[in-house]
Amino acid sequence: MRSFYADLHIHLGATTAGRPVKITASRRLTLPAVLAEAAYRKGLDIVGIIDAQAPGVLADLKEMIAAGDLQPLPEGGLLYRQRTLLVPGAEVESREGAHFLAYFPGLEEMEQFSTWLAGFMRNLHLSSQRAHLSLSQILQQTLELGGLLAPAHAFTPHKGLYGCACASLGELLTPAEQQEIRVLELGLSADTAMAERLAELARVAFLSNSDAHSLEKIGREYNELLLAELNWREMLKAFYHQDGRRIIANWGLDPRLGKYHRSACADCGWTAGEEKPPVTFCPACGSKQLITGVLDRLVAITTEPAVGGKHPPYYYQVPLQFLPGIGKKTLERLLSQFGTEMAILHQVPAEDLIRTAGEKIAALILACRQGQVKIQAGGGGTYGRILQG
């Protein structure tokens, strides 16, 4: 067995025919472009394409299979050029207003889910659309088709299960249904330690995914899995900790860099920094119209002792795009020299970084590796910032 790297939340901006899919995503995010970026530039072994319910995306998948670029595997998943596993899925908004990621083992199950969704969704061609369905209904249909359902960016105020729809799974699901939520996506503004504040999540596996809306953001968060082979069945075993398969670690942003880490004032734009959570009003203007931050929300809804230490380690990484001074030319030079962003962030020796990018940028990358950068927390829809190395 060996390590495989998985980013299971990647959007498509358009089909290869040019039809929009994710309105807020780059039109450069077509299926072929995403797979090439993930496999050859990012070094990912598994990718989740979560707009595969769209008829145009299904057509693109079939075309790539016919061309020999994708190979359906007997154990599930679609293998891209003998290199990267594609897991088809859909991001769906439930009647409760939260987003969920439904993953499936193959194209047939994905098509069946798409056909079913069409009866409850206004525009199947677009990503992340609201369905006239409860979480319970979406869960049951996903399970019937042999799929896996995970809350997406579970703690954010914008469409997160715990951020806007409930304080506990028991508010929305029966005890038996709750047991079927076995995986949860942390989101960019949370990490494992924060999520472990909720005791009911002790049995749930945590995922760190990019939620990429551009090619550059693919792989900004990912999961390290211990698998024997590259396929759907092995991936599920890792999530369920079966037969020696497991999630080795989550690699993701320091949650302070996320867009919703701390509460922010909707009136004047103030964002909490060192203030003790949960913040309930804006000290700058006195307004109580706050966009609740993930940290503030988790502190507010925690009712039991934290379950700390039940999950694999979470390692912080700072994507190169977040580092001041790294422009497009420098990024291209680094990638050309060292192959993938993962290698640059975690493996390339200091002297090689200095030779390629200069002492200042090399020092910043090394400081990020060692957790020695200062960060201004994000909130209210604005990313946090690296202040210095």
Protein backbone atom coordinates (compact mmCIF):
# COMPACT_ATOMS: atom_id res chain seq x y z
CA MET A 1 0.00 0.00 0.00
CA ARG A 2 1.10 3.58 -0.57
CA SER A 3 -0.06 7.19 -0.30
CA PHE A 4 -2.47 8.71 -2.81
CA TYR A 5 -3.51 12.37 -2.87
CA ALA A 6 -7.17 13.30 -3.38
CA ASP A 7 -9.00 16.60 -3.98
CA LEU A 8 -12.68 15.71 -4.12
CA HIS A 9 -14.38 19.07 -4.72
CA ILE A 10 -13.52 20.57 -8.10
CA HIS A 11 -15.96 22.60 -10.19
CA LEU A 12 -16.28 22.97 -13.95
CA GLY A 13 -16.81 26.42 -15.41
CA ALA A 14 -18.07 25.17 -18.77
CA THR A 15 -18.57 22.10 -20.90
CA THR A 16 -16.25 21.54 -23.85
CA ALA A 17 -19.09 22.87 -26.03
CA GLY A 18 -18.93 26.17 -24.09
CA ARG A 19 -22.13 25.88 -22.06
CA PRO A 20 -21.78 27.40 -18.55
CA VAL A 21 -21.79 24.99 -15.61
CA LYS A 22 -20.57 26.79 -12.47
CA ILE A 23 -21.42 30.44 -13.07
CA THR A 24 -18.80 31.78 -10.64
CA ALA A 25 -16.03 29.51 -11.97
CA SER A 26 -13.48 30.20 -14.69
CA ARG A 27 -14.54 29.14 -18.18
CA ARG A 28 -11.09 27.58 -18.47
CA LEU A 29 -12.31 24.89 -16.09
CA THR A 30 -13.40 22.32 -18.65
CA LEU A 31 -13.21 18.61 -17.92
CA PRO A 32 -10.08 17.97 -20.05
CA ALA A 33 -8.34 21.05 -18.63
CA VAL A 34 -9.12 20.09 -15.02
CA LEU A 35 -7.85 16.55 -15.45
CA ALA A 36 -4.63 17.70 -17.13
CA GLU A 37 -4.00 20.33 -14.44
CA ALA A 38 -4.69 17.91 -11.60
CA ALA A 39 -2.62 15.07 -13.01
CA TYR A 40 0.38 16.83 -14.51
CA ARG A 41 0.77 20.13 -12.63
CA LYS A 42 -0.76 19.46 -9.23
CA GLY A 43 0.29 15.84 -8.82
CA LEU A 44 -3.11 14.63 -7.63
CA ASP A 45 -4.06 10.95 -7.78
CA ILE A 46 -7.83 11.31 -7.22
CA VAL A 47 -10.18 14.15 -8.20
CA GLY A 48 -13.86 14.62 -7.49
CA ILE A 49 -15.74 16.36 -10.32
CA ILE A 50 -18.85 17.54 -8.53
CA ASP A 51 -20.78 19.00 -11.47
CA ALA A 52 -21.25 15.66 -13.22
CA GLN A 53 -25.06 15.78 -12.95
CA ALA A 54 -25.09 18.37 -15.78
CA PRO A 55 -26.08 16.75 -19.10
CA GLY A 56 -23.23 18.53 -20.89
CA VAL A 57 -20.69 17.19 -18.40
CA LEU A 58 -22.09 13.68 -18.75
CA ALA A 59 -21.63 14.06 -22.51
CA ASP A 60 -18.03 15.17 -22.00
CA LEU A 61 -17.36 12.15 -19.77
CA LYS A 62 -18.75 9.80 -22.41
CA GLU A 63 -16.67 11.48 -25.10
CA MET A 64 -13.47 11.08 -23.07
CA ILE A 65 -14.30 7.42 -22.43
CA ALA A 66 -14.87 6.86 -26.15
CA ALA A 67 -11.56 8.56 -26.94
CA GLY A 68 -9.72 6.33 -24.49
CA ASP A 69 -8.75 9.17 -22.14
CA LEU A 70 -10.98 7.80 -19.36
CA GLN A 71 -11.27 4.13 -18.45
CA PRO A 72 -14.17 2.89 -16.27
CA LEU A 73 -12.79 0.57 -13.58
CA PRO A 74 -14.55 -2.60 -12.36
CA GLU A 75 -13.98 -1.49 -8.75
CA GLY A 76 -15.41 1.96 -9.48
CA GLY A 77 -14.10 5.30 -10.66
CA LEU A 78 -12.79 6.45 -14.03
CA LEU A 79 -9.05 6.28 -14.64
CA TYR A 80 -7.54 9.21 -16.58
CA ARG A 81 -4.62 8.20 -18.81
CA GLN A 82 -3.48 5.52 -16.35
CA ARG A 83 -2.64 8.31 -13.93
CA THR A 84 -5.49 9.95 -11.98
CA LEU A 85 -8.83 8.58 -10.73
CA LEU A 86 -11.93 10.64 -11.52
CA VAL A 87 -14.82 10.27 -9.07
CA PRO A 88 -18.08 11.66 -10.53
CA GLY A 89 -20.37 13.60 -8.23
CA ALA A 90 -22.83 16.44 -7.78
CA GLU A 91 -23.06 19.38 -5.39
CA VAL A 92 -26.72 19.81 -4.48
CA GLU A 93 -28.51 22.30 -2.25
CA SER A 94 -31.19 20.72 -0.08
CA ARG A 95 -34.50 22.24 0.93
CA GLU A 96 -32.88 23.19 4.24
CA GLY A 97 -30.47 25.49 2.36
CA ALA A 98 -27.24 23.53 2.83
CA HIS A 99 -24.92 22.05 0.19
CA PHE A 100 -24.05 18.36 -0.07
CA LEU A 101 -21.61 16.38 -2.21
CA ALA A 102 -23.05 13.17 -3.70
CA TYR A 103 -20.34 10.86 -5.07
CA PHE A 104 -20.90 7.77 -7.23
CA PRO A 105 -18.80 4.80 -8.35
CA GLY A 106 -19.47 5.18 -12.06
CA LEU A 107 -21.14 6.91 -14.97
CA GLU A 108 -24.27 4.74 -14.87
CA GLU A 109 -25.07 5.65 -11.26
CA MET A 110 -24.24 9.29 -11.96
CA GLU A 111 -26.68 9.35 -14.88
CA GLN A 112 -29.42 7.77 -12.77
CA PHE A 113 -28.92 10.39 -10.07
CA SER A 114 -29.01 13.15 -12.70
CA THR A 115 -32.27 11.83 -14.14
CA TRP A 116 -33.79 11.68 -10.67
CA LEU A 117 -32.62 15.22 -9.81
CA ALA A 118 -34.21 16.59 -12.99
CA GLY A 119 -37.65 16.13 -11.44
CA PHE A 120 -36.81 18.35 -8.46
CA MET A 121 -34.42 20.98 -9.84
CA ARG A 122 -35.09 23.97 -12.07
CA ASN A 123 -31.84 23.93 -14.05
CA LEU A 124 -29.90 20.67 -14.10
CA HIS A 125 -27.25 22.18 -16.40
CA LEU A 126 -25.88 24.47 -13.67
CA SER A 127 -23.83 23.61 -10.59
CA SER A 128 -24.90 23.70 -6.93
CA GLN A 129 -28.58 24.28 -7.66
CA ARG A 130 -31.35 24.05 -5.09
CA ALA A 131 -33.44 20.89 -5.25
CA HIS A 132 -36.96 20.64 -3.84
CA LEU A 133 -35.73 17.80 -1.68
CA SER A 134 -34.85 17.35 1.98
CA LEU A 135 -31.46 16.18 3.15
CA SER A 136 -33.12 12.88 4.07
CA GLN A 137 -34.43 12.38 0.53
CA ILE A 138 -31.07 13.21 -1.08
CA LEU A 139 -29.31 10.86 1.33
CA GLN A 140 -31.65 7.95 0.64
CA GLN A 141 -31.38 8.29 -3.15
CA THR A 142 -27.59 8.53 -2.98
CA LEU A 143 -27.41 5.37 -0.88
CA GLU A 144 -29.81 3.49 -3.17
CA LEU A 145 -27.42 4.13 -6.06
CA GLY A 146 -24.40 2.94 -4.10
CA GLY A 147 -23.07 6.43 -3.54
CA LEU A 148 -21.64 8.48 -0.69
CA LEU A 149 -23.08 11.76 0.65
CA ALA A 150 -20.96 14.35 2.44
CA PRO A 151 -21.90 17.80 3.77
CA ALA A 152 -19.95 20.41 1.78
CA HIS A 153 -17.98 23.19 3.56
CA ALA A 154 -20.01 22.08 6.56
CA PHE A 155 -19.49 25.06 8.88
CA THR A 156 -19.66 28.10 6.61
CA PRO A 157 -22.49 30.63 6.98
CA HIS A 158 -23.01 30.37 3.23
CA LYS A 159 -24.71 27.01 2.57
CA GLY A 160 -22.88 25.01 5.27
CA LEU A 161 -24.89 22.33 7.13
CA TYR A 162 -23.80 23.42 10.61
CA GLY A 163 -23.26 27.00 9.51
CA CYS A 164 -26.81 27.76 8.44
CA ALA A 165 -29.13 24.72 8.64
CA CYS A 166 -28.70 23.03 12.04
CA ALA A 167 -26.67 22.76 15.22
CA SER A 168 -26.92 18.96 15.22
CA LEU A 169 -27.66 16.25 12.65
CA GLY A 170 -30.51 15.11 14.89
CA GLU A 171 -32.51 18.17 13.85
CA LEU A 172 -32.69 16.91 10.24
CA LEU A 173 -32.15 13.14 10.26
CA THR A 174 -33.33 10.07 12.15
CA PRO A 175 -30.76 8.21 14.28
CA ALA A 176 -30.40 5.56 11.54
CA GLU A 177 -29.93 8.22 8.86
CA GLN A 178 -27.34 10.04 10.95
CA GLN A 179 -25.17 6.92 10.88
CA GLU A 180 -25.05 7.15 7.07
CA ILE A 181 -23.27 10.52 7.20
CA ARG A 182 -19.81 9.02 7.39
CA VAL A 183 -17.75 11.74 5.70
CA LEU A 184 -17.79 15.53 6.06
CA GLU A 185 -15.94 18.29 4.19
CA LEU A 186 -14.27 20.74 6.56
CA GLY A 187 -14.16 23.72 4.19
CA LEU A 188 -11.38 26.28 3.83
CA SER A 189 -12.26 28.13 7.05
CA ALA A 190 -12.06 25.13 9.41
CA ASP A 191 -9.55 22.48 10.41
CA THR A 192 -9.77 19.19 12.26
CA ALA A 193 -9.30 20.66 15.74
CA MET A 194 -12.18 23.05 15.16
CA ALA A 195 -14.52 20.35 13.84
CA GLU A 196 -13.69 18.07 16.76
CA ARG A 197 -15.51 20.53 19.01
CA LEU A 198 -18.70 18.70 17.96
CA ALA A 199 -18.85 15.36 19.76
CA GLU A 200 -21.27 13.87 17.23
CA LEU A 201 -18.53 14.05 14.59
CA ALA A 202 -16.17 11.68 16.44
CA ARG A 203 -17.19 8.80 14.13
CA VAL A 204 -17.18 10.90 10.91
CA ALA A 205 -14.18 11.09 8.55
CA PHE A 206 -13.02 14.60 7.61
CA LEU A 207 -12.13 15.70 4.08
CA SER A 208 -10.09 18.73 3.01
CA ASN A 209 -10.91 19.76 -0.56
CA SER A 210 -10.12 22.78 -2.71
CA ASP A 211 -13.65 23.75 -3.85
CA ALA A 212 -11.72 25.03 -6.85
CA HIS A 213 -13.32 27.68 -9.08
CA SER A 214 -10.15 28.11 -11.17
CA LEU A 215 -7.36 25.88 -12.42
CA GLU A 216 -4.86 27.54 -10.11
CA LYS A 217 -6.86 26.68 -6.98
CA ILE A 218 -7.05 22.94 -7.65
CA GLY A 219 -5.22 21.12 -4.87
CA ARG A 220 -5.05 24.03 -2.42
CA GLU A 221 -6.49 21.48 0.03
CA TYR A 222 -6.29 17.70 -0.32
CA ASN A 223 -6.34 14.39 1.53
CA GLU A 224 -3.56 11.83 1.84
CA LEU A 225 -5.02 8.32 1.63
CA LEU A 226 -3.35 4.95 2.24
CA LEU A 227 -4.63 2.58 -0.46
CA ALA A 228 -3.58 -0.66 -2.14
CA GLU A 229 -4.91 0.43 -5.54
CA LEU A 230 -6.46 3.43 -7.24
CA ASN A 231 -10.23 2.89 -7.38
CA TRP A 232 -13.56 3.83 -5.77
CA ARG A 233 -13.75 0.77 -3.52
CA GLU A 234 -10.30 1.40 -2.06
CA MET A 235 -11.17 5.06 -1.46
CA LEU A 236 -14.26 4.12 0.54
CA LYS A 237 -12.24 1.68 2.61
CA ALA A 238 -9.90 4.53 3.53
CA PHE A 239 -12.84 6.72 4.58
CA TYR A 240 -14.27 3.87 6.67
CA HIS A 241 -10.86 2.79 8.05
CA GLN A 242 -11.20 -0.78 6.75
CA ASP A 243 -8.60 -3.46 5.92
CA GLY A 244 -5.70 -1.21 6.80
CA ARG A 245 -6.80 1.55 4.43
CA ARG A 246 -7.14 4.96 6.03
CA ILE A 247 -6.88 8.70 5.72
CA ILE A 248 -3.27 9.40 6.65
CA ALA A 249 -3.62 13.18 6.90
CA ASN A 250 -5.50 16.25 5.77
CA TRP A 251 -3.49 18.98 4.05
CA GLY A 252 -5.16 22.36 3.94
CA LEU A 253 -5.14 26.06 4.52
CA ASP A 254 -4.57 27.51 7.91
CA PRO A 255 -8.29 28.20 8.56
CA ARG A 256 -7.50 31.84 9.24
CA LEU A 257 -6.89 32.18 5.49
CA GLY A 258 -10.46 31.07 4.71
CA LYS A 259 -13.15 33.54 3.66
CA TYR A 260 -15.41 32.85 6.63
CA HIS A 261 -13.07 32.02 9.52
CA ARG A 262 -14.18 34.89 11.79
CA SER A 263 -17.35 36.91 12.04
CA ALA A 264 -17.55 40.12 10.04
CA CYS A 265 -19.87 43.12 10.11
CA ALA A 266 -22.29 43.25 7.19
CA ASP A 267 -22.66 47.03 7.66
CA CYS A 268 -19.13 48.43 8.00
CA GLY A 269 -16.90 45.51 6.98
CA TRP A 270 -15.07 45.07 10.30
CA THR A 271 -13.67 41.54 10.77
CA ALA A 272 -12.89 39.90 14.11
CA GLY A 273 -9.26 39.15 14.84
CA GLU A 274 -8.14 38.42 18.38
CA GLU A 275 -11.61 38.95 19.87
CA LYS A 276 -12.87 35.96 21.86
CA PRO A 277 -15.48 33.96 19.92
CA PRO A 278 -18.38 34.08 19.51
CA VAL A 279 -18.59 37.76 18.59
CA THR A 280 -22.22 38.93 18.75
CA PHE A 281 -21.96 42.58 17.68
CA CYS A 282 -19.57 44.85 15.80
CA PRO A 283 -17.33 46.87 18.16
CA ALA A 284 -16.55 49.31 15.35
CA CYS A 285 -20.09 50.49 14.54
CA GLY A 286 -22.31 48.69 17.06
CA SER A 287 -24.25 46.73 14.43
CA LYS A 288 -25.58 43.26 15.20
CA GLN A 289 -25.78 42.42 11.49
CA LEU A 290 -22.89 39.96 11.41
CA ILE A 291 -21.83 37.32 8.90
CA THR A 292 -21.07 34.62 11.43
CA GLY A 293 -17.59 33.14 11.18
CA VAL A 294 -16.91 29.42 11.31
CA LEU A 295 -14.93 29.64 14.55
CA ASP A 296 -17.62 31.80 16.15
CA ARG A 297 -20.40 29.43 15.03
CA LEU A 298 -18.63 26.32 16.30
CA VAL A 299 -18.00 27.88 19.69
CA ALA A 300 -21.65 28.94 19.87
CA ILE A 301 -23.14 25.51 19.07
CA THR A 302 -20.71 23.34 21.05
CA THR A 303 -22.65 21.72 23.89
CA GLU A 304 -20.43 18.76 24.81
CA PRO A 305 -16.72 18.36 25.54
CA ALA A 306 -14.54 18.34 22.42
CA VAL A 307 -13.63 14.91 21.05
CA GLY A 308 -10.02 15.98 20.36
CA GLY A 309 -7.54 13.63 18.77
CA LYS A 310 -9.95 11.18 17.13
CA HIS A 311 -8.93 12.02 13.58
CA PRO A 312 -5.76 11.98 11.44
CA PRO A 313 -3.42 14.99 11.68
CA TYR A 314 -4.22 18.18 9.81
CA TYR A 315 -1.18 19.83 8.23
CA TYR A 316 -1.30 23.48 7.25
CA GLN A 317 -0.09 24.52 3.83
CA VAL A 318 -0.17 27.90 2.13
CA PRO A 319 -0.84 27.71 -1.63
CA LEU A 320 1.70 29.64 -3.67
CA GLN A 321 -1.00 32.05 -4.85
CA PHE A 322 -1.40 33.32 -1.28
CA LEU A 323 2.24 34.32 -0.98
CA PRO A 324 3.02 38.00 -1.61
CA GLY A 325 5.59 38.47 -4.34
CA ILE A 326 4.83 35.32 -6.30
CA GLY A 327 3.40 36.43 -9.63
CA LYS A 328 2.48 34.39 -12.67
CA LYS A 329 6.00 34.36 -14.13
CA THR A 330 7.60 33.23 -10.88
CA LEU A 331 4.96 30.54 -10.44
CA GLU A 332 5.53 29.23 -13.96
CA ARG A 333 9.30 29.20 -13.39
CA LEU A 334 8.90 27.20 -10.18
CA LEU A 335 6.51 24.72 -11.77
CA SER A 336 8.72 24.32 -14.81
CA GLN A 337 11.69 23.57 -12.60
CA PHE A 338 10.11 21.37 -9.93
CA GLY A 339 7.04 19.83 -11.56
CA THR A 340 4.17 20.22 -9.10
CA GLU A 341 3.00 22.67 -6.47
CA MET A 342 3.05 19.90 -3.85
CA ALA A 343 6.77 19.39 -4.44
CA ILE A 344 7.47 23.13 -4.15
CA LEU A 345 5.45 23.52 -0.97
CA HIS A 346 6.79 20.48 0.86
CA GLN A 347 9.85 18.87 -0.71
CA VAL A 348 12.17 21.10 -2.75
CA PRO A 349 15.39 21.90 -0.81
CA ALA A 350 16.02 25.49 0.26
CA GLU A 351 19.05 25.96 -1.99
CA ASP A 352 17.05 24.92 -5.06
CA LEU A 353 14.25 27.33 -4.18
CA ILE A 354 16.75 30.17 -3.75
CA ARG A 355 18.39 29.42 -7.08
CA THR A 356 15.05 29.43 -8.93
CA ALA A 357 12.99 32.10 -7.15
CA GLY A 358 15.42 34.18 -5.12
CA GLU A 359 16.12 34.40 -1.40
CA LYS A 360 13.04 36.42 -0.43
CA ILE A 361 10.46 34.08 -1.97
CA ALA A 362 12.40 30.98 -0.88
CA ALA A 363 12.42 32.28 2.69
CA LEU A 364 8.66 32.82 2.54
CA ILE A 365 8.00 29.29 1.27
CA LEU A 366 10.23 27.84 3.98
CA ALA A 367 8.54 29.96 6.66
CA CYS A 368 5.18 28.57 5.54
CA ARG A 369 6.50 25.01 5.84
CA GLN A 370 7.52 25.73 9.41
CA GLY A 371 4.32 27.59 10.36
CA GLN A 372 6.20 30.82 10.95
CA VAL A 373 4.11 33.31 8.99
CA LYS A 374 1.74 35.90 10.43
CA ILE A 375 -1.83 35.80 9.17
CA GLN A 376 -4.66 38.31 9.16
CA ALA A 377 -7.85 36.26 9.56
CA GLY A 378 -10.45 36.21 6.81
CA GLY A 379 -14.16 36.78 7.28
CA GLY A 380 -17.34 37.97 5.62
CA GLY A 381 -16.37 36.49 2.26
CA THR A 382 -12.82 37.90 2.13
CA TYR A 383 -9.79 35.61 2.31
CA GLY A 384 -7.24 36.03 5.07
CA ARG A 385 -3.78 37.39 4.19
CA ILE A 386 -0.17 36.43 4.77
CA LEU A 387 1.40 39.44 6.45
CA GLN A 388 5.06 38.43 6.54
CA GLY A 389 7.48 35.52 6.50
